PDB file of all heavy atoms in Angstrom:
ATOM      1  N   HIS A   1       2.473  -6.559  -6.776  1.00  0.00           N
ATOM      2  CA  HIS A   1       1.363  -7.121  -6.015  1.00  0.00           C
ATOM      3  C   HIS A   1       0.611  -6.034  -5.251  1.00  0.00           C
ATOM      4  O   HIS A   1       1.175  -5.030  -4.842  1.00  0.00           O
ATOM      5  CB  HIS A   1       1.870  -8.162  -5.015  1.00  0.00           C
ATOM      6  CG  HIS A   1       2.388  -9.406  -5.637  1.00  0.00           C
ATOM      7  ND1 HIS A   1       1.624 -10.216  -6.438  1.00  0.00           N
ATOM      8  CD2 HIS A   1       3.614  -9.987  -5.565  1.00  0.00           C
ATOM      9  CE1 HIS A   1       2.343 -11.246  -6.828  1.00  0.00           C
ATOM     10  NE2 HIS A   1       3.575 -11.127  -6.314  1.00  0.00           N
ATOM     11  N   GLY A   2      -0.646  -6.296  -5.061  1.00  0.00           N
ATOM     12  CA  GLY A   2      -1.499  -5.434  -4.263  1.00  0.00           C
ATOM     13  C   GLY A   2      -2.820  -6.134  -4.032  1.00  0.00           C
ATOM     14  O   GLY A   2      -3.048  -7.246  -4.510  1.00  0.00           O
ATOM     15  N   ASN A   3      -3.682  -5.477  -3.302  1.00  0.00           N
ATOM     16  CA  ASN A   3      -5.041  -5.951  -3.136  1.00  0.00           C
ATOM     17  C   ASN A   3      -5.943  -4.741  -2.994  1.00  0.00           C
ATOM     18  O   ASN A   3      -5.517  -3.617  -3.284  1.00  0.00           O
ATOM     19  CB  ASN A   3      -5.175  -6.963  -1.988  1.00  0.00           C
ATOM     20  CG  ASN A   3      -4.770  -6.401  -0.657  1.00  0.00           C
ATOM     21  OD1 ASN A   3      -5.030  -5.243  -0.354  1.00  0.00           O
ATOM     22  ND2 ASN A   3      -4.116  -7.214   0.161  1.00  0.00           N
ATOM     23  N   GLU A   4      -7.163  -4.936  -2.537  1.00  0.00           N
ATOM     24  CA  GLU A   4      -8.113  -3.828  -2.520  1.00  0.00           C
ATOM     25  C   GLU A   4      -7.716  -2.691  -1.589  1.00  0.00           C
ATOM     26  O   GLU A   4      -8.240  -1.585  -1.707  1.00  0.00           O
ATOM     27  CB  GLU A   4      -9.528  -4.314  -2.191  1.00  0.00           C
ATOM     28  CG  GLU A   4      -9.686  -4.938  -0.814  1.00  0.00           C
ATOM     29  CD  GLU A   4      -9.359  -6.424  -0.772  1.00  0.00           C
ATOM     30  OE1 GLU A   4      -9.078  -7.034  -1.824  1.00  0.00           O
ATOM     31  OE2 GLU A   4      -9.361  -6.984   0.336  1.00  0.00           O
ATOM     32  N   ASP A   5      -6.780  -2.900  -0.698  1.00  0.00           N
ATOM     33  CA  ASP A   5      -6.422  -1.820   0.213  1.00  0.00           C
ATOM     34  C   ASP A   5      -4.922  -1.542   0.320  1.00  0.00           C
ATOM     35  O   ASP A   5      -4.496  -0.803   1.211  1.00  0.00           O
ATOM     36  CB  ASP A   5      -7.003  -2.074   1.605  1.00  0.00           C
ATOM     37  CG  ASP A   5      -6.374  -3.262   2.322  1.00  0.00           C
ATOM     38  OD1 ASP A   5      -5.599  -4.008   1.692  1.00  0.00           O
ATOM     39  OD2 ASP A   5      -6.652  -3.435   3.517  1.00  0.00           O
ATOM     40  N   CYS A   6      -4.111  -2.081  -0.581  1.00  0.00           N
ATOM     41  CA  CYS A   6      -2.679  -1.774  -0.487  1.00  0.00           C
ATOM     42  C   CYS A   6      -1.916  -2.134  -1.762  1.00  0.00           C
ATOM     43  O   CYS A   6      -2.397  -2.883  -2.601  1.00  0.00           O
ATOM     44  CB  CYS A   6      -2.046  -2.486   0.702  1.00  0.00           C
ATOM     45  SG  CYS A   6      -1.794  -4.252   0.462  1.00  0.00           S
ATOM     46  N   HIS A   7      -0.718  -1.573  -1.844  1.00  0.00           N
ATOM     47  CA  HIS A   7       0.309  -1.963  -2.817  1.00  0.00           C
ATOM     48  C   HIS A   7       1.472  -2.510  -2.005  1.00  0.00           C
ATOM     49  O   HIS A   7       1.827  -1.940  -0.968  1.00  0.00           O
ATOM     50  CB  HIS A   7       0.814  -0.763  -3.622  1.00  0.00           C
ATOM     51  CG  HIS A   7      -0.177  -0.218  -4.577  1.00  0.00           C
ATOM     52  ND1 HIS A   7      -0.098   1.053  -5.062  1.00  0.00           N
ATOM     53  CD2 HIS A   7      -1.269  -0.768  -5.154  1.00  0.00           C
ATOM     54  CE1 HIS A   7      -1.086   1.273  -5.890  1.00  0.00           C
ATOM     55  NE2 HIS A   7      -1.826   0.185  -5.961  1.00  0.00           N
ATOM     56  N   TYR A   8       2.081  -3.567  -2.496  1.00  0.00           N
ATOM     57  CA  TYR A   8       3.229  -4.164  -1.812  1.00  0.00           C
ATOM     58  C   TYR A   8       4.535  -3.752  -2.481  1.00  0.00           C
ATOM     59  O   TYR A   8       4.618  -3.646  -3.706  1.00  0.00           O
ATOM     60  CB  TYR A   8       3.133  -5.696  -1.829  1.00  0.00           C
ATOM     61  CG  TYR A   8       2.119  -6.244  -0.868  1.00  0.00           C
ATOM     62  CD1 TYR A   8       0.827  -6.540  -1.275  1.00  0.00           C
ATOM     63  CD2 TYR A   8       2.453  -6.447   0.468  1.00  0.00           C
ATOM     64  CE1 TYR A   8      -0.114  -7.033  -0.385  1.00  0.00           C
ATOM     65  CE2 TYR A   8       1.511  -6.935   1.378  1.00  0.00           C
ATOM     66  CZ  TYR A   8       0.240  -7.226   0.929  1.00  0.00           C
ATOM     67  OH  TYR A   8      -0.688  -7.711   1.825  1.00  0.00           O
ATOM     68  N   GLY A   9       5.568  -3.561  -1.643  1.00  0.00           N
ATOM     69  CA  GLY A   9       6.909  -3.281  -2.140  1.00  0.00           C
ATOM     70  C   GLY A   9       7.831  -4.470  -1.967  1.00  0.00           C
ATOM     71  O   GLY A   9       8.927  -4.513  -2.513  1.00  0.00           O
ATOM     72  N   SER A  10       7.373  -5.456  -1.202  1.00  0.00           N
ATOM     73  CA  SER A  10       8.095  -6.715  -1.001  1.00  0.00           C
ATOM     74  C   SER A  10       7.053  -7.752  -0.624  1.00  0.00           C
ATOM     75  O   SER A  10       5.859  -7.452  -0.597  1.00  0.00           O
ATOM     76  CB  SER A  10       9.148  -6.581   0.107  1.00  0.00           C
ATOM     77  OG  SER A  10       8.537  -6.435   1.361  1.00  0.00           O
ATOM     78  N   SER A  11       7.492  -8.939  -0.317  1.00  0.00           N
ATOM     79  CA  SER A  11       6.527  -9.995   0.004  1.00  0.00           C
ATOM     80  C   SER A  11       5.716  -9.684   1.255  1.00  0.00           C
ATOM     81  O   SER A  11       4.633 -10.222   1.444  1.00  0.00           O
ATOM     82  CB  SER A  11       7.238 -11.343   0.157  1.00  0.00           C
ATOM     83  OG  SER A  11       8.163 -11.294   1.216  1.00  0.00           O
ATOM     84  N   ASN A  12       6.208  -8.774   2.100  1.00  0.00           N
ATOM     85  CA  ASN A  12       5.476  -8.486   3.336  1.00  0.00           C
ATOM     86  C   ASN A  12       5.375  -7.013   3.699  1.00  0.00           C
ATOM     87  O   ASN A  12       4.816  -6.686   4.739  1.00  0.00           O
ATOM     88  CB  ASN A  12       6.091  -9.263   4.506  1.00  0.00           C
ATOM     89  CG  ASN A  12       7.518  -8.870   4.765  1.00  0.00           C
ATOM     90  OD1 ASN A  12       8.097  -8.085   4.033  1.00  0.00           O
ATOM     91  ND2 ASN A  12       8.106  -9.427   5.799  1.00  0.00           N
ATOM     92  N   GLU A  13       5.893  -6.101   2.898  1.00  0.00           N
ATOM     93  CA  GLU A  13       5.835  -4.677   3.249  1.00  0.00           C
ATOM     94  C   GLU A  13       4.838  -3.934   2.375  1.00  0.00           C
ATOM     95  O   GLU A  13       4.982  -3.889   1.150  1.00  0.00           O
ATOM     96  CB  GLU A  13       7.203  -4.001   3.148  1.00  0.00           C
ATOM     97  CG  GLU A  13       7.134  -2.566   3.630  1.00  0.00           C
ATOM     98  CD  GLU A  13       8.478  -1.957   3.928  1.00  0.00           C
ATOM     99  OE1 GLU A  13       9.512  -2.584   3.633  1.00  0.00           O
ATOM    100  OE2 GLU A  13       8.495  -0.850   4.479  1.00  0.00           O
ATOM    101  N   LYS A  14       3.851  -3.344   3.019  1.00  0.00           N
ATOM    102  CA  LYS A  14       2.849  -2.523   2.332  1.00  0.00           C
ATOM    103  C   LYS A  14       3.414  -1.121   2.179  1.00  0.00           C
ATOM    104  O   LYS A  14       3.668  -0.430   3.166  1.00  0.00           O
ATOM    105  CB  LYS A  14       1.544  -2.487   3.125  1.00  0.00           C
ATOM    106  CG  LYS A  14       0.897  -3.851   3.264  1.00  0.00           C
ATOM    107  CD  LYS A  14      -0.342  -3.779   4.138  1.00  0.00           C
ATOM    108  CE  LYS A  14      -0.969  -5.151   4.272  1.00  0.00           C
ATOM    109  NZ  LYS A  14      -2.173  -5.136   5.123  1.00  0.00           N
ATOM    110  N   ILE A  15       3.627  -0.706   0.937  1.00  0.00           N
ATOM    111  CA  ILE A  15       4.207   0.625   0.713  1.00  0.00           C
ATOM    112  C   ILE A  15       3.134   1.706   0.678  1.00  0.00           C
ATOM    113  O   ILE A  15       3.393   2.850   1.025  1.00  0.00           O
ATOM    114  CB  ILE A  15       5.086   0.655  -0.548  1.00  0.00           C
ATOM    115  CG1 ILE A  15       4.327   0.195  -1.779  1.00  0.00           C
ATOM    116  CG2 ILE A  15       6.345  -0.170  -0.322  1.00  0.00           C
ATOM    117  CD1 ILE A  15       5.083   0.353  -3.084  1.00  0.00           C
ATOM    118  N   VAL A  16       1.939   1.356   0.241  1.00  0.00           N
ATOM    119  CA  VAL A  16       0.786   2.258   0.300  1.00  0.00           C
ATOM    120  C   VAL A  16      -0.389   1.426   0.775  1.00  0.00           C
ATOM    121  O   VAL A  16      -0.663   0.365   0.219  1.00  0.00           O
ATOM    122  CB  VAL A  16       0.466   2.897  -1.067  1.00  0.00           C
ATOM    123  CG1 VAL A  16      -0.808   3.733  -0.980  1.00  0.00           C
ATOM    124  CG2 VAL A  16       1.621   3.741  -1.583  1.00  0.00           C
ATOM    125  N   ASN A  17      -1.047   1.911   1.824  1.00  0.00           N
ATOM    126  CA  ASN A  17      -2.249   1.235   2.313  1.00  0.00           C
ATOM    127  C   ASN A  17      -3.198   2.286   2.879  1.00  0.00           C
ATOM    128  O   ASN A  17      -2.981   3.485   2.703  1.00  0.00           O
ATOM    129  CB  ASN A  17      -1.914   0.128   3.312  1.00  0.00           C
ATOM    130  CG  ASN A  17      -1.308   0.630   4.596  1.00  0.00           C
ATOM    131  OD1 ASN A  17      -1.179   1.827   4.835  1.00  0.00           O
ATOM    132  ND2 ASN A  17      -0.915  -0.294   5.454  1.00  0.00           N
ATOM    133  N   LEU A  18      -4.228   1.865   3.558  1.00  0.00           N
ATOM    134  CA  LEU A  18      -5.228   2.803   4.071  1.00  0.00           C
ATOM    135  C   LEU A  18      -4.670   3.764   5.118  1.00  0.00           C
ATOM    136  O   LEU A  18      -5.222   4.838   5.329  1.00  0.00           O
ATOM    137  CB  LEU A  18      -6.422   2.032   4.630  1.00  0.00           C
ATOM    138  CG  LEU A  18      -7.195   1.196   3.604  1.00  0.00           C
ATOM    139  CD1 LEU A  18      -8.322   0.430   4.284  1.00  0.00           C
ATOM    140  CD2 LEU A  18      -7.721   2.059   2.464  1.00  0.00           C
ATOM    141  N   LYS A  19      -3.559   3.413   5.743  1.00  0.00           N
ATOM    142  CA  LYS A  19      -2.964   4.287   6.752  1.00  0.00           C
ATOM    143  C   LYS A  19      -2.182   5.451   6.147  1.00  0.00           C
ATOM    144  O   LYS A  19      -1.998   6.479   6.795  1.00  0.00           O
ATOM    145  CB  LYS A  19      -2.049   3.487   7.686  1.00  0.00           C
ATOM    146  CG  LYS A  19      -2.802   2.503   8.554  1.00  0.00           C
ATOM    147  CD  LYS A  19      -1.868   1.745   9.457  1.00  0.00           C
ATOM    148  CE  LYS A  19      -2.656   0.764  10.310  1.00  0.00           C
ATOM    149  NZ  LYS A  19      -1.785  -0.022  11.190  1.00  0.00           N
ATOM    150  N   ASN A  20      -1.695   5.301   4.912  1.00  0.00           N
ATOM    151  CA  ASN A  20      -0.911   6.378   4.308  1.00  0.00           C
ATOM    152  C   ASN A  20      -1.374   6.729   2.887  1.00  0.00           C
ATOM    153  O   ASN A  20      -0.664   7.409   2.154  1.00  0.00           O
ATOM    154  CB  ASN A  20       0.581   6.035   4.312  1.00  0.00           C
ATOM    155  CG  ASN A  20       0.949   4.945   3.322  1.00  0.00           C
ATOM    156  OD1 ASN A  20       0.091   4.203   2.822  1.00  0.00           O
ATOM    157  ND2 ASN A  20       2.228   4.817   3.036  1.00  0.00           N
ATOM    158  N   VAL A  21      -2.563   6.308   2.516  1.00  0.00           N
ATOM    159  CA  VAL A  21      -3.039   6.545   1.152  1.00  0.00           C
ATOM    160  C   VAL A  21      -3.097   8.034   0.817  1.00  0.00           C
ATOM    161  O   VAL A  21      -3.011   8.412  -0.354  1.00  0.00           O
ATOM    162  CB  VAL A  21      -4.403   5.856   0.918  1.00  0.00           C
ATOM    163  CG1 VAL A  21      -5.518   6.544   1.686  1.00  0.00           C
ATOM    164  CG2 VAL A  21      -4.723   5.776  -0.570  1.00  0.00           C
ATOM    165  N   ASN A  22      -3.195   8.874   1.825  1.00  0.00           N
ATOM    166  CA  ASN A  22      -3.228  10.314   1.570  1.00  0.00           C
ATOM    167  C   ASN A  22      -1.974  10.814   0.850  1.00  0.00           C
ATOM    168  O   ASN A  22      -2.005  11.887   0.246  1.00  0.00           O
ATOM    169  CB  ASN A  22      -3.439  11.078   2.883  1.00  0.00           C
ATOM    170  CG  ASN A  22      -2.309  10.869   3.855  1.00  0.00           C
ATOM    171  OD1 ASN A  22      -1.780   9.763   3.997  1.00  0.00           O
ATOM    172  ND2 ASN A  22      -1.928  11.923   4.556  1.00  0.00           N
ATOM    173  N   ILE A  23      -0.890  10.057   0.887  1.00  0.00           N
ATOM    174  CA  ILE A  23       0.323  10.492   0.171  1.00  0.00           C
ATOM    175  C   ILE A  23       0.119  10.490  -1.340  1.00  0.00           C
ATOM    176  O   ILE A  23       0.894  11.086  -2.061  1.00  0.00           O
ATOM    177  CB  ILE A  23       1.571   9.637   0.527  1.00  0.00           C
ATOM    178  CG1 ILE A  23       1.399   8.187   0.089  1.00  0.00           C
ATOM    179  CG2 ILE A  23       1.899   9.748   1.993  1.00  0.00           C
ATOM    180  CD1 ILE A  23       2.663   7.363   0.208  1.00  0.00           C
ATOM    181  N   LEU A  24      -0.943   9.833  -1.815  1.00  0.00           N
ATOM    182  CA  LEU A  24      -1.230   9.821  -3.256  1.00  0.00           C
ATOM    183  C   LEU A  24      -2.116  10.984  -3.680  1.00  0.00           C
ATOM    184  O   LEU A  24      -2.378  11.161  -4.873  1.00  0.00           O
ATOM    185  CB  LEU A  24      -1.885   8.489  -3.656  1.00  0.00           C
ATOM    186  CG  LEU A  24      -1.018   7.248  -3.469  1.00  0.00           C
ATOM    187  CD1 LEU A  24      -1.802   6.001  -3.844  1.00  0.00           C
ATOM    188  CD2 LEU A  24       0.263   7.367  -4.291  1.00  0.00           C
ATOM    189  N   SER A  25      -2.519  11.796  -2.716  1.00  0.00           N
ATOM    190  CA  SER A  25      -3.306  12.976  -3.035  1.00  0.00           C
ATOM    191  C   SER A  25      -2.523  13.870  -3.998  1.00  0.00           C
ATOM    192  O   SER A  25      -1.316  14.078  -3.827  1.00  0.00           O
ATOM    193  CB  SER A  25      -3.626  13.728  -1.742  1.00  0.00           C
ATOM    194  OG  SER A  25      -4.419  14.833  -2.005  1.00  0.00           O
TER     195      SER A  25
END
């Protein structure tokens, strides 16, 4: 699951979002 600003690792935990997207650099 995900949406326009995140990927989910569980039903409620965002594993990548706008706050840490730089880790995908």
